[in-house]
Amino acid sequence: MERLNYDDLLVVKSSMESFISKRHCVYGSLMIRALVSSMYKHACHHDLYTIFKQVQTKVRKLCLDRNLDSGQLVVVWDTLTHMRKLYLFPGFNGSKRADDS
């Protein structure tokens, strides 16, 4: 079996080890909701690391705004070499249709 190569790894976790992630029984996890929202808005012009940092800030703000008993810290870390940036859809704007001019 091949060893896992840790070069160019980008990780986002909903909370630190031994802590719980906030989750609404109907709407789901704060982190996943923030991630989907940020990806929808920014995947066409921001790299993934920047989006993950936005999610981290957004979840922290949501916890403070909602006066949750214990906050939630989204963990983001990377081993990207040479300051690489990862993009999903660079220059793609999903809200505009091809026939719109």
N, C-alpha and C. Protein backbone atom coordinates (compact mmCIF):
# COMPACT_ATOMS: atom_id res chain seq x y z
N MET A 1 0.84 -1.18 0.00
CA MET A 1 0.00 0.00 0.00
C MET A 1 0.88 1.24 0.00
N GLU A 2 0.49 2.25 -0.75
CA GLU A 2 1.25 3.49 -0.87
C GLU A 2 1.07 4.35 0.39
N ARG A 3 2.12 5.06 0.76
CA ARG A 3 2.03 6.00 1.88
C ARG A 3 1.31 7.26 1.43
N LEU A 4 0.56 7.85 2.34
CA LEU A 4 -0.16 9.09 2.03
C LEU A 4 0.83 10.23 1.95
N ASN A 5 0.79 10.97 0.88
CA ASN A 5 1.66 12.11 0.68
C ASN A 5 0.97 13.35 1.22
N TYR A 6 1.63 14.08 2.12
CA TYR A 6 1.02 15.24 2.75
C TYR A 6 1.32 16.54 2.02
N ASP A 7 1.93 16.49 0.85
CA ASP A 7 2.14 17.70 0.07
C ASP A 7 0.81 18.13 -0.53
N ASP A 8 0.58 19.43 -0.54
CA ASP A 8 -0.61 20.00 -1.17
C ASP A 8 -1.90 19.46 -0.59
N LEU A 9 -1.99 19.48 0.71
CA LEU A 9 -3.18 19.02 1.42
C LEU A 9 -3.89 20.24 2.01
N LEU A 10 -5.19 20.30 1.86
CA LEU A 10 -6.01 21.38 2.40
C LEU A 10 -7.14 20.76 3.19
N VAL A 11 -7.24 21.10 4.49
CA VAL A 11 -8.20 20.46 5.38
C VAL A 11 -9.03 21.51 6.09
N VAL A 12 -10.34 21.24 6.18
CA VAL A 12 -11.23 22.06 7.00
C VAL A 12 -12.02 21.09 7.88
N LYS A 13 -12.05 21.40 9.19
CA LYS A 13 -12.76 20.56 10.15
C LYS A 13 -13.78 21.43 10.87
N SER A 14 -14.92 20.86 11.18
CA SER A 14 -16.00 21.66 11.77
C SER A 14 -15.71 22.09 13.21
N SER A 15 -14.79 21.41 13.89
CA SER A 15 -14.39 21.83 15.23
C SER A 15 -13.06 21.18 15.59
N MET A 16 -12.50 21.63 16.70
CA MET A 16 -11.25 21.05 17.18
C MET A 16 -11.50 19.67 17.76
N GLU A 17 -10.45 18.90 17.88
CA GLU A 17 -10.56 17.57 18.48
C GLU A 17 -11.16 17.68 19.87
N SER A 18 -11.99 16.75 20.25
CA SER A 18 -12.63 16.65 21.57
C SER A 18 -13.73 17.69 21.81
N PHE A 19 -14.07 18.48 20.81
CA PHE A 19 -15.14 19.46 20.94
C PHE A 19 -16.28 19.06 20.01
N ILE A 20 -17.47 19.55 20.32
CA ILE A 20 -18.62 19.23 19.47
C ILE A 20 -18.85 20.34 18.45
N SER A 21 -19.47 19.96 17.37
CA SER A 21 -19.83 20.89 16.32
C SER A 21 -21.30 21.22 16.48
N LYS A 22 -21.63 22.50 16.43
CA LYS A 22 -23.02 22.93 16.59
C LYS A 22 -23.85 22.45 15.41
N ARG A 23 -25.03 21.90 15.71
CA ARG A 23 -25.90 21.39 14.65
C ARG A 23 -27.35 21.61 15.03
N HIS A 24 -28.11 22.17 14.10
CA HIS A 24 -29.54 22.36 14.27
C HIS A 24 -30.24 21.11 13.76
N CYS A 25 -31.27 20.67 14.46
CA CYS A 25 -31.93 19.41 14.09
C CYS A 25 -32.61 19.48 12.72
N VAL A 26 -32.99 20.66 12.26
CA VAL A 26 -33.64 20.81 10.96
C VAL A 26 -32.67 21.34 9.89
N TYR A 27 -31.92 22.38 10.25
CA TYR A 27 -31.08 23.07 9.27
C TYR A 27 -29.67 22.52 9.15
N GLY A 28 -29.25 21.69 10.08
CA GLY A 28 -27.93 21.07 10.00
C GLY A 28 -26.83 21.87 10.65
N SER A 29 -25.61 21.54 10.30
CA SER A 29 -24.42 22.11 10.90
C SER A 29 -24.18 23.56 10.48
N LEU A 30 -23.77 24.39 11.44
CA LEU A 30 -23.42 25.78 11.13
C LEU A 30 -22.28 25.83 10.12
N MET A 31 -21.30 24.96 10.31
CA MET A 31 -20.13 24.96 9.43
C MET A 31 -20.50 24.58 8.00
N ILE A 32 -21.30 23.54 7.83
CA ILE A 32 -21.70 23.11 6.49
C ILE A 32 -22.56 24.17 5.81
N ARG A 33 -23.47 24.77 6.56
CA ARG A 33 -24.31 25.83 5.98
C ARG A 33 -23.46 27.02 5.55
N ALA A 34 -22.49 27.40 6.37
CA ALA A 34 -21.59 28.51 6.03
C ALA A 34 -20.71 28.14 4.84
N LEU A 35 -20.26 26.89 4.78
CA LEU A 35 -19.42 26.43 3.67
C LEU A 35 -20.20 26.47 2.35
N VAL A 36 -21.41 25.94 2.35
CA VAL A 36 -22.22 25.93 1.12
C VAL A 36 -22.53 27.35 0.67
N SER A 37 -22.88 28.22 1.60
CA SER A 37 -23.17 29.61 1.27
C SER A 37 -21.94 30.30 0.68
N SER A 38 -20.80 30.12 1.29
CA SER A 38 -19.57 30.75 0.80
C SER A 38 -19.14 30.19 -0.54
N MET A 39 -19.29 28.89 -0.73
CA MET A 39 -18.94 28.28 -2.01
C MET A 39 -19.85 28.80 -3.13
N TYR A 40 -21.12 28.92 -2.82
CA TYR A 40 -22.08 29.41 -3.81
C TYR A 40 -21.75 30.83 -4.24
N LYS A 41 -21.37 31.66 -3.27
CA LYS A 41 -21.10 33.07 -3.56
C LYS A 41 -19.71 33.32 -4.12
N HIS A 42 -18.70 32.55 -3.68
CA HIS A 42 -17.32 32.93 -3.95
C HIS A 42 -16.47 31.92 -4.72
N ALA A 43 -17.01 30.75 -5.07
CA ALA A 43 -16.19 29.73 -5.74
C ALA A 43 -15.68 30.18 -7.11
N CYS A 44 -16.35 31.15 -7.72
CA CYS A 44 -15.92 31.59 -9.05
C CYS A 44 -14.76 32.58 -9.01
N HIS A 45 -14.48 33.19 -7.84
CA HIS A 45 -13.42 34.19 -7.82
C HIS A 45 -12.48 34.12 -6.60
N HIS A 46 -12.66 33.16 -5.70
CA HIS A 46 -11.75 32.98 -4.57
C HIS A 46 -11.22 31.56 -4.55
N ASP A 47 -10.00 31.41 -4.04
CA ASP A 47 -9.43 30.07 -3.89
C ASP A 47 -10.04 29.40 -2.66
N LEU A 48 -9.88 28.08 -2.56
CA LEU A 48 -10.51 27.31 -1.49
C LEU A 48 -10.02 27.71 -0.10
N TYR A 49 -8.73 27.99 0.05
CA TYR A 49 -8.21 28.37 1.36
C TYR A 49 -8.88 29.66 1.84
N THR A 50 -9.04 30.63 0.97
CA THR A 50 -9.71 31.89 1.32
C THR A 50 -11.16 31.63 1.70
N ILE A 51 -11.84 30.77 0.97
CA ILE A 51 -13.23 30.43 1.29
C ILE A 51 -13.31 29.75 2.65
N PHE A 52 -12.40 28.83 2.93
CA PHE A 52 -12.40 28.15 4.23
C PHE A 52 -12.16 29.13 5.37
N LYS A 53 -11.28 30.12 5.17
CA LYS A 53 -11.05 31.13 6.20
C LYS A 53 -12.30 31.99 6.40
N GLN A 54 -13.03 32.28 5.31
CA GLN A 54 -14.30 33.00 5.42
C GLN A 54 -15.31 32.20 6.23
N VAL A 55 -15.36 30.90 6.00
CA VAL A 55 -16.26 30.02 6.75
C VAL A 55 -15.90 30.06 8.22
N GLN A 56 -14.62 30.00 8.52
CA GLN A 56 -14.16 30.05 9.90
C GLN A 56 -14.64 31.33 10.59
N THR A 57 -14.51 32.45 9.92
CA THR A 57 -14.95 33.74 10.46
C THR A 57 -16.46 33.79 10.59
N LYS A 58 -17.17 33.29 9.58
CA LYS A 58 -18.63 33.32 9.59
C LYS A 58 -19.20 32.49 10.74
N VAL A 59 -18.65 31.30 10.97
CA VAL A 59 -19.14 30.43 12.05
C VAL A 59 -18.86 31.08 13.40
N ARG A 60 -17.67 31.66 13.57
CA ARG A 60 -17.34 32.34 14.82
C ARG A 60 -18.34 33.47 15.09
N LYS A 61 -18.66 34.24 14.04
CA LYS A 61 -19.61 35.35 14.18
C LYS A 61 -21.01 34.84 14.50
N LEU A 62 -21.44 33.77 13.83
CA LEU A 62 -22.76 33.19 14.11
C LEU A 62 -22.87 32.74 15.57
N CYS A 63 -21.82 32.12 16.08
CA CYS A 63 -21.83 31.66 17.48
C CYS A 63 -21.95 32.84 18.43
N LEU A 64 -21.24 33.93 18.14
CA LEU A 64 -21.32 35.11 18.99
C LEU A 64 -22.68 35.80 18.89
N ASP A 65 -23.19 35.93 17.66
CA ASP A 65 -24.48 36.59 17.44
C ASP A 65 -25.64 35.84 18.08
N ARG A 66 -25.54 34.53 18.11
CA ARG A 66 -26.64 33.71 18.66
C ARG A 66 -26.46 33.39 20.14
N ASN A 67 -25.40 33.94 20.75
CA ASN A 67 -25.11 33.71 22.17
C ASN A 67 -25.11 32.23 22.53
N LEU A 68 -24.45 31.44 21.69
CA LEU A 68 -24.36 30.01 21.98
C LEU A 68 -23.46 29.80 23.19
N ASP A 69 -23.82 28.83 24.02
CA ASP A 69 -23.10 28.59 25.27
C ASP A 69 -21.60 28.45 25.06
N SER A 70 -21.22 27.60 24.17
CA SER A 70 -19.80 27.44 23.86
C SER A 70 -19.63 27.69 22.37
N GLY A 71 -18.63 28.47 22.03
CA GLY A 71 -18.39 28.77 20.62
C GLY A 71 -17.88 27.56 19.87
N GLN A 72 -17.77 27.72 18.60
CA GLN A 72 -17.27 26.65 17.74
C GLN A 72 -16.13 27.21 16.92
N LEU A 73 -15.02 26.54 16.93
CA LEU A 73 -13.86 26.99 16.17
C LEU A 73 -13.63 26.05 15.00
N VAL A 74 -13.88 26.55 13.81
CA VAL A 74 -13.61 25.78 12.60
C VAL A 74 -12.10 25.77 12.38
N VAL A 75 -11.54 24.60 12.14
CA VAL A 75 -10.10 24.44 11.97
C VAL A 75 -9.78 24.34 10.49
N VAL A 76 -8.84 25.19 10.03
CA VAL A 76 -8.39 25.18 8.64
C VAL A 76 -6.87 25.07 8.66
N TRP A 77 -6.33 24.09 7.95
CA TRP A 77 -4.88 24.01 7.81
C TRP A 77 -4.52 23.46 6.44
N ASP A 78 -3.31 23.78 6.02
CA ASP A 78 -2.89 23.35 4.69
C ASP A 78 -1.41 23.03 4.68
N THR A 79 -1.01 22.27 3.70
CA THR A 79 0.39 22.00 3.42
C THR A 79 0.66 22.32 1.95
N LEU A 80 0.00 23.33 1.45
CA LEU A 80 0.16 23.70 0.05
C LEU A 80 1.58 24.21 -0.19
N THR A 81 2.24 23.66 -1.18
CA THR A 81 3.61 24.05 -1.48
C THR A 81 3.65 25.24 -2.42
N HIS A 82 4.66 26.06 -2.24
CA HIS A 82 4.91 27.19 -3.13
C HIS A 82 3.73 28.14 -3.23
N MET A 83 3.03 28.32 -2.11
CA MET A 83 1.90 29.26 -2.05
C MET A 83 0.85 28.97 -3.13
N ARG A 84 0.64 27.71 -3.42
CA ARG A 84 -0.34 27.32 -4.43
C ARG A 84 -1.74 27.69 -3.99
N LYS A 85 -2.59 27.97 -4.94
CA LYS A 85 -3.99 28.27 -4.68
C LYS A 85 -4.84 27.26 -5.45
N LEU A 86 -5.87 26.75 -4.80
CA LEU A 86 -6.76 25.79 -5.42
C LEU A 86 -8.09 26.46 -5.73
N TYR A 87 -8.54 26.34 -6.96
CA TYR A 87 -9.81 26.92 -7.39
C TYR A 87 -10.73 25.81 -7.89
N LEU A 88 -12.03 26.00 -7.67
CA LEU A 88 -13.00 25.05 -8.20
C LEU A 88 -13.50 25.49 -9.57
N PHE A 89 -13.99 26.71 -9.65
CA PHE A 89 -14.57 27.22 -10.89
C PHE A 89 -14.04 28.62 -11.18
N PRO A 90 -12.78 28.78 -11.54
CA PRO A 90 -12.26 30.13 -11.77
C PRO A 90 -12.95 30.81 -12.94
N GLY A 91 -13.48 31.99 -12.70
CA GLY A 91 -14.13 32.77 -13.74
C GLY A 91 -15.53 32.32 -14.09
N PHE A 92 -16.04 31.27 -13.45
CA PHE A 92 -17.38 30.77 -13.74
C PHE A 92 -18.40 31.51 -12.90
N ASN A 93 -19.46 31.99 -13.52
CA ASN A 93 -20.53 32.64 -12.80
C ASN A 93 -21.81 31.87 -13.07
N GLY A 94 -22.23 31.06 -12.11
CA GLY A 94 -23.38 30.19 -12.30
C GLY A 94 -24.70 30.91 -12.36
N SER A 95 -24.75 32.18 -11.96
CA SER A 95 -26.03 32.90 -11.97
C SER A 95 -26.35 33.47 -13.35
N LYS A 96 -25.36 33.57 -14.24
CA LYS A 96 -25.61 34.07 -15.58
C LYS A 96 -25.75 32.92 -16.56
N ARG A 97 -26.73 33.02 -17.42
CA ARG A 97 -26.92 31.99 -18.43
C ARG A 97 -26.10 32.32 -19.67
N ALA A 98 -25.79 31.31 -20.46
CA ALA A 98 -24.97 31.49 -21.65
C ALA A 98 -25.63 32.41 -22.67
N ASP A 99 -26.98 32.41 -22.77
CA ASP A 99 -27.68 33.24 -23.76
C ASP A 99 -27.90 34.67 -23.27
N ASP A 100 -27.53 34.99 -22.00
CA ASP A 100 -27.65 36.36 -21.49
C ASP A 100 -26.46 37.17 -22.00
N SER A 101 -26.72 38.32 -22.54
CA SER A 101 -25.63 39.17 -23.03
C SER A 101 -25.76 40.56 -22.50
